[in-house]
Amino acid sequence: MSEEYSLLEPDNVEGVGDEWEEIDVSDTEADEIARRRDREFNEFRERLKNTEQFKVEQSVFDDATLAALYKLVQDGYVQAFGGPISSGKEANVYSALGGEKADGKEVAVKVYRINASDFRDMRDYLVGDPRFEELSGNKKRVVLAWTRKEFANLKRAQKAGVRVPDPIAVQRNVLVMEFLGSDGERAPTLDDAHLENPETAFEVVREYMRRLYDVGLVHGDLSEYNIIVHDGELVIIDLGQAVTIHHPNSGEFLTRDCANVASFFQRQGMDVRGDELEDWIHENSDPDK
């Protein structure tokens, strides 16, 4: 079988030479903006890395984290950074002056380390949470999901009437929230504070646990060390590990929370038991409503 192939007819060209179409390679406004932002980011990175309080913690501030901090500054959530407030297994917390979107108030900036050594423990709290299905074992993905999870948990707790740090913004592995304290000093934990009326404090903590459970959340690591006493209020902190009641280990976590809380208030002279606290929460909550 033979096939016939045809050629396209050429356009009418006056002649062949070097009269190529001129291509405009001059800078556009977008190019200038991009270069300016690159310069500003580099200046921000060097300024932050050279700040005394950050020099000893270079491993916390990789370029991706610095970019997240820079974005929070550009978006008006953070204006200037202060000193470190606390350092934990997975995250460091720093004081900062909030930007216009934080009403210029002092804020806390929580930076989760991508190279957190206990990220497998983090993953155990995430796997089984229907909000974070199909999470791989990739360390970066786990830490970024954990940060978003804490922000979401704070929002849910706040809507339920639980006093928690006001969540302000989240960007990658960085969480900006209300600062609980004054002049860069964090408010004392329940363990550090002197309780004049432990009975009232217990009733508040019990009610907050019930409200969390009522909206389908279990703190998962509740104790006197992550309850803050601030301006006459008890504030629940560190909700990164909080799970929904659909998590396969939520029952075990609730039992442990109740045992921890009861143990603390027993040392304050109260006659309370963890199993009775857990029963009270179940009897007075309706998370499936």
Protein backbone atom coordinates (compact mmCIF):
# COMPACT_ATOMS: atom_id res chain seq x y z
CA MET A 1 0.00 0.00 0.00
CA SER A 2 1.40 3.32 -0.98
CA GLU A 3 0.68 6.56 0.88
CA GLU A 4 0.98 10.11 -0.37
CA TYR A 5 2.37 12.76 1.92
CA SER A 6 1.92 16.45 1.27
CA LEU A 7 3.86 19.46 2.49
CA LEU A 8 2.35 22.57 3.95
CA GLU A 9 2.61 25.60 1.71
CA PRO A 10 5.06 28.16 3.12
CA ASP A 11 3.84 31.59 4.14
CA ASN A 12 4.71 34.44 1.85
CA VAL A 13 8.10 35.59 3.23
CA GLU A 14 9.82 38.57 1.73
CA GLY A 15 13.30 37.24 2.33
CA VAL A 16 15.64 35.44 4.66
CA GLY A 17 17.94 37.37 6.92
CA ASP A 18 18.59 38.37 10.54
CA GLU A 19 15.36 40.25 11.03
CA TRP A 20 14.27 38.11 14.00
CA GLU A 21 11.33 39.22 16.13
CA GLU A 22 12.59 41.24 19.05
CA ILE A 23 12.06 39.50 22.41
CA ASP A 24 11.61 41.77 25.42
CA VAL A 25 13.84 40.53 28.25
CA SER A 26 13.61 43.65 30.39
CA ASP A 27 12.50 43.35 34.01
CA THR A 28 8.81 43.36 34.68
CA GLU A 29 7.24 44.71 37.85
CA ALA A 30 6.75 41.10 39.01
CA ASP A 31 10.48 40.41 38.54
CA GLU A 32 11.39 43.45 40.61
CA ILE A 33 8.96 42.46 43.37
CA ALA A 34 10.29 38.89 43.44
CA ARG A 35 13.90 40.09 43.68
CA ARG A 36 13.03 42.58 46.40
CA ARG A 37 11.30 39.85 48.40
CA ASP A 38 14.31 37.58 47.97
CA ARG A 39 16.59 40.31 49.29
CA GLU A 40 14.27 41.05 52.19
CA PHE A 41 14.02 37.36 53.07
CA ASN A 42 17.81 36.95 53.00
CA GLU A 43 18.17 39.99 55.25
CA PHE A 44 15.50 38.60 57.58
CA ARG A 45 17.20 35.20 57.68
CA GLU A 46 20.61 36.66 58.54
CA ARG A 47 19.16 39.04 61.11
CA LEU A 48 17.24 36.26 62.87
CA LYS A 49 20.11 33.78 62.76
CA ASN A 50 22.47 36.39 64.22
CA THR A 51 20.15 37.22 67.11
CA GLU A 52 21.68 36.06 70.39
CA GLN A 53 18.73 33.99 71.61
CA PHE A 54 18.67 32.01 68.37
CA LYS A 55 22.39 31.36 67.91
CA VAL A 56 22.39 28.32 70.16
CA GLU A 57 19.38 26.84 68.39
CA GLN A 58 20.38 26.94 64.74
CA SER A 59 18.98 23.43 64.17
CA VAL A 60 15.47 24.73 64.87
CA PHE A 61 15.61 27.35 62.12
CA ASP A 62 16.19 25.66 58.80
CA ASP A 63 15.42 27.70 55.69
CA ALA A 64 11.87 26.33 55.40
CA THR A 65 11.12 27.37 59.00
CA LEU A 66 12.67 30.78 58.42
CA ALA A 67 10.49 31.17 55.33
CA ALA A 68 7.42 30.31 57.42
CA LEU A 69 8.40 32.90 60.05
CA TYR A 70 9.02 35.47 57.32
CA LYS A 71 5.57 34.79 55.84
CA LEU A 72 3.97 35.34 59.26
CA VAL A 73 5.83 38.65 59.53
CA GLN A 74 4.80 39.70 56.02
CA ASP A 75 1.16 38.74 56.70
CA GLY A 76 1.04 40.95 59.79
CA TYR A 77 0.90 38.31 62.53
CA VAL A 78 4.37 38.91 63.98
CA GLN A 79 6.26 42.19 64.24
CA ALA A 80 9.39 41.40 66.27
CA PHE A 81 10.81 38.35 68.03
CA GLY A 82 11.67 38.16 71.69
CA GLY A 83 13.41 35.47 73.71
CA PRO A 84 12.73 31.79 74.31
CA ILE A 85 9.91 30.84 76.69
CA SER A 86 10.28 27.09 76.80
CA SER A 87 11.96 24.19 75.04
CA GLY A 88 10.33 20.77 74.74
CA LYS A 89 10.98 17.46 73.05
CA GLU A 90 9.31 18.47 69.80
CA ALA A 91 9.02 22.27 69.90
CA ASN A 92 10.48 25.53 71.15
CA VAL A 93 8.27 28.46 72.17
CA TYR A 94 9.35 32.10 71.81
CA SER A 95 7.76 35.38 72.81
CA ALA A 96 7.12 37.91 70.09
CA LEU A 97 5.39 41.21 69.47
CA GLY A 98 2.32 40.61 67.38
CA GLY A 99 1.63 42.49 64.18
CA GLU A 100 -1.52 44.34 63.22
CA LYS A 101 -3.47 41.09 62.74
CA ALA A 102 -2.59 40.17 66.33
CA ASP A 103 -3.59 43.64 67.57
CA GLY A 104 0.03 44.43 68.40
CA LYS A 105 -0.14 42.27 71.53
CA GLU A 106 2.56 39.96 72.84
CA VAL A 107 2.19 36.52 71.27
CA ALA A 108 3.76 33.10 71.64
CA VAL A 109 5.43 31.55 68.58
CA LYS A 110 5.67 27.78 68.80
CA VAL A 111 8.19 26.24 66.38
CA TYR A 112 8.00 22.50 65.86
CA ARG A 113 11.33 21.01 64.88
CA ILE A 114 11.20 19.09 61.61
CA ASN A 115 13.98 16.85 62.94
CA ALA A 116 12.03 16.06 66.13
CA SER A 117 13.40 12.80 67.52
CA ASP A 118 10.01 11.69 68.80
CA PHE A 119 8.10 12.07 65.56
CA ARG A 120 7.08 8.40 65.69
CA ASP A 121 5.22 9.15 68.92
CA MET A 122 3.59 12.07 67.11
CA ARG A 123 2.49 9.74 64.35
CA ASP A 124 0.80 7.43 66.85
CA TYR A 125 -1.49 10.29 67.87
CA LEU A 126 -2.24 11.19 64.25
CA VAL A 127 -2.89 7.75 62.77
CA GLY A 128 -6.47 6.85 63.56
CA ASP A 129 -7.60 10.47 63.63
CA PRO A 130 -10.08 10.75 60.73
CA ARG A 131 -8.86 14.30 60.07
CA PHE A 132 -5.43 12.98 59.07
CA GLU A 133 -6.08 9.87 57.03
CA GLU A 134 -3.33 8.18 55.02
CA LEU A 135 -0.49 10.01 56.72
CA SER A 136 2.83 8.55 55.64
CA GLY A 137 5.85 8.01 57.83
CA ASN A 138 7.62 11.01 56.31
CA LYS A 139 8.95 13.06 59.22
CA LYS A 140 8.24 16.44 57.62
CA ARG A 141 4.64 15.53 56.79
CA VAL A 142 4.06 14.26 60.32
CA VAL A 143 5.37 17.45 61.94
CA LEU A 144 3.43 19.74 59.58
CA ALA A 145 0.25 17.74 60.20
CA TRP A 146 0.86 17.90 63.96
CA THR A 147 1.12 21.70 63.82
CA ARG A 148 -2.13 22.01 61.87
CA LYS A 149 -3.72 19.54 64.28
CA GLU A 150 -2.84 21.66 67.32
CA PHE A 151 -4.28 24.75 65.62
CA ALA A 152 -7.51 22.87 64.79
CA ASN A 153 -7.77 21.42 68.30
CA LEU A 154 -7.37 24.86 69.87
CA LYS A 155 -10.11 26.23 67.62
CA ARG A 156 -12.47 23.39 68.51
CA ALA A 157 -11.75 23.66 72.24
CA GLN A 158 -12.28 27.41 72.15
CA LYS A 159 -15.68 27.02 70.48
CA ALA A 160 -16.62 24.52 73.19
CA GLY A 161 -15.99 27.10 75.89
CA VAL A 162 -12.67 25.69 77.07
CA ARG A 163 -10.11 28.34 78.05
CA VAL A 164 -7.11 27.71 75.82
CA PRO A 165 -4.51 30.03 74.23
CA ASP A 166 -6.23 31.92 71.43
CA PRO A 167 -4.93 30.40 68.16
CA ILE A 168 -3.92 33.23 65.83
CA ALA A 169 -2.16 31.75 62.78
CA VAL A 170 -0.39 28.65 61.53
CA GLN A 171 2.24 28.42 58.80
CA ARG A 172 3.98 25.10 58.06
CA ASN A 173 5.61 24.06 61.37
CA VAL A 174 5.02 27.39 63.15
CA LEU A 175 2.02 28.22 65.33
CA VAL A 176 1.23 31.74 66.58
CA MET A 177 -1.06 32.00 69.59
CA GLU A 178 -1.96 34.11 72.58
CA PHE A 179 0.88 34.64 75.04
CA LEU A 180 -0.05 33.68 78.60
CA GLY A 181 2.12 35.73 80.91
CA SER A 182 3.71 39.15 81.06
CA ASP A 183 7.05 40.75 80.17
CA GLY A 184 8.20 37.62 78.36
CA GLU A 185 7.65 35.39 81.41
CA ARG A 186 5.11 32.62 81.01
CA ALA A 187 2.37 32.30 83.62
CA PRO A 188 2.90 29.50 86.17
CA THR A 189 1.60 26.00 85.66
CA LEU A 190 -0.90 24.46 88.05
CA ASP A 191 2.03 22.60 89.61
CA ASP A 192 3.91 25.87 90.31
CA ALA A 193 0.96 27.94 91.49
CA HIS A 194 -0.30 28.11 95.05
CA LEU A 195 -3.92 26.96 95.09
CA GLU A 196 -5.97 28.61 97.79
CA ASN A 197 -9.09 26.75 96.72
CA PRO A 198 -8.23 23.38 95.08
CA GLU A 199 -11.90 22.32 95.15
CA THR A 200 -12.88 25.11 92.77
CA ALA A 201 -9.84 24.44 90.57
CA PHE A 202 -10.81 20.77 90.32
CA GLU A 203 -14.37 21.66 89.32
CA VAL A 204 -13.06 23.93 86.54
CA VAL A 205 -10.62 21.32 85.20
CA ARG A 206 -13.32 18.62 85.36
CA GLU A 207 -15.76 20.82 83.46
CA TYR A 208 -13.15 21.63 80.80
CA MET A 209 -12.46 17.91 80.35
CA ARG A 210 -16.18 17.31 79.97
CA ARG A 211 -16.55 20.11 77.42
CA LEU A 212 -13.65 18.73 75.40
CA TYR A 213 -15.20 15.27 75.42
CA ASP A 214 -18.58 16.74 74.54
CA VAL A 215 -17.12 18.05 71.26
CA GLY A 216 -15.34 14.77 70.63
CA LEU A 217 -11.84 15.56 71.93
CA VAL A 218 -9.57 13.92 74.50
CA HIS A 219 -6.51 15.90 75.57
CA GLY A 220 -4.27 12.85 75.74
CA ASP A 221 -1.58 14.29 77.99
CA LEU A 222 -3.43 16.31 80.60
CA SER A 223 -1.69 16.95 83.91
CA GLU A 224 -0.76 19.80 86.25
CA TYR A 225 2.14 20.61 83.90
CA ASN A 226 0.00 21.74 80.98
CA ILE A 227 -2.63 23.70 82.85
CA ILE A 228 -1.63 27.36 83.22
CA VAL A 229 -2.87 29.81 85.86
CA HIS A 230 -3.26 33.18 84.11
CA ASP A 231 -5.10 36.27 85.33
CA GLY A 232 -7.23 34.22 87.71
CA GLU A 233 -8.14 31.65 85.05
CA LEU A 234 -7.09 28.07 84.43
CA VAL A 235 -5.94 27.59 80.84
CA ILE A 236 -5.45 24.23 79.10
CA ILE A 237 -2.34 24.20 76.87
CA ASP A 238 -0.45 21.78 74.60
CA LEU A 239 -3.34 20.34 72.59
CA GLY A 240 -1.13 19.05 69.80
CA GLN A 241 -1.61 15.44 70.84
CA ALA A 242 -5.37 15.75 71.54
CA VAL A 243 -7.33 13.13 69.61
CA THR A 244 -10.94 12.69 68.60
CA ILE A 245 -13.04 10.10 70.39
CA HIS A 246 -12.87 8.03 67.18
CA HIS A 247 -9.15 7.46 67.69
CA PRO A 248 -8.52 3.81 68.65
CA ASN A 249 -6.65 4.86 71.80
CA SER A 250 -8.97 7.67 72.93
CA GLY A 251 -10.40 5.61 75.79
CA GLU A 252 -6.94 4.79 77.10
CA PHE A 253 -5.89 8.45 76.82
CA LEU A 254 -8.99 9.63 78.73
CA THR A 255 -8.33 7.13 81.52
CA ARG A 256 -4.75 8.37 81.80
CA ASP A 257 -5.83 12.03 81.82
CA CYS A 258 -8.34 11.37 84.59
CA ALA A 259 -5.74 9.47 86.64
CA ASN A 260 -3.23 12.33 86.29
CA VAL A 261 -5.73 15.00 87.28
CA ALA A 262 -7.05 12.99 90.22
CA SER A 263 -3.52 12.28 91.44
CA PHE A 264 -2.66 15.98 91.50
CA PHE A 265 -5.76 17.00 93.42
CA GLN A 266 -5.30 14.10 95.85
CA ARG A 267 -1.99 15.71 96.75
CA GLN A 268 -3.95 18.89 97.44
CA GLY A 269 -5.89 16.99 100.09
CA MET A 270 -8.98 16.18 98.04
CA ASP A 271 -10.79 12.85 97.97
CA VAL A 272 -11.00 12.27 94.21
CA ARG A 273 -10.42 9.20 92.06
CA GLY A 274 -9.58 8.87 88.41
CA ASP A 275 -12.24 6.26 87.65
CA GLU A 276 -14.94 8.40 89.28
CA LEU A 277 -13.82 11.42 87.26
CA GLU A 278 -13.97 9.39 84.06
CA ASP A 279 -17.45 8.09 84.90
CA TRP A 280 -18.63 11.66 85.57
CA ILE A 281 -17.34 12.83 82.18
CA HIS A 282 -19.12 9.98 80.38
CA GLU A 283 -22.36 10.54 82.28
CA ASN A 284 -22.44 14.27 81.62
CA SER A 285 -21.28 14.36 77.99
CA ASP A 286 -22.99 13.57 74.74
CA PRO A 287 -20.35 13.69 71.98
CA ASP A 288 -22.66 11.97 69.47
CA LYS A 289 -25.40 14.60 69.71
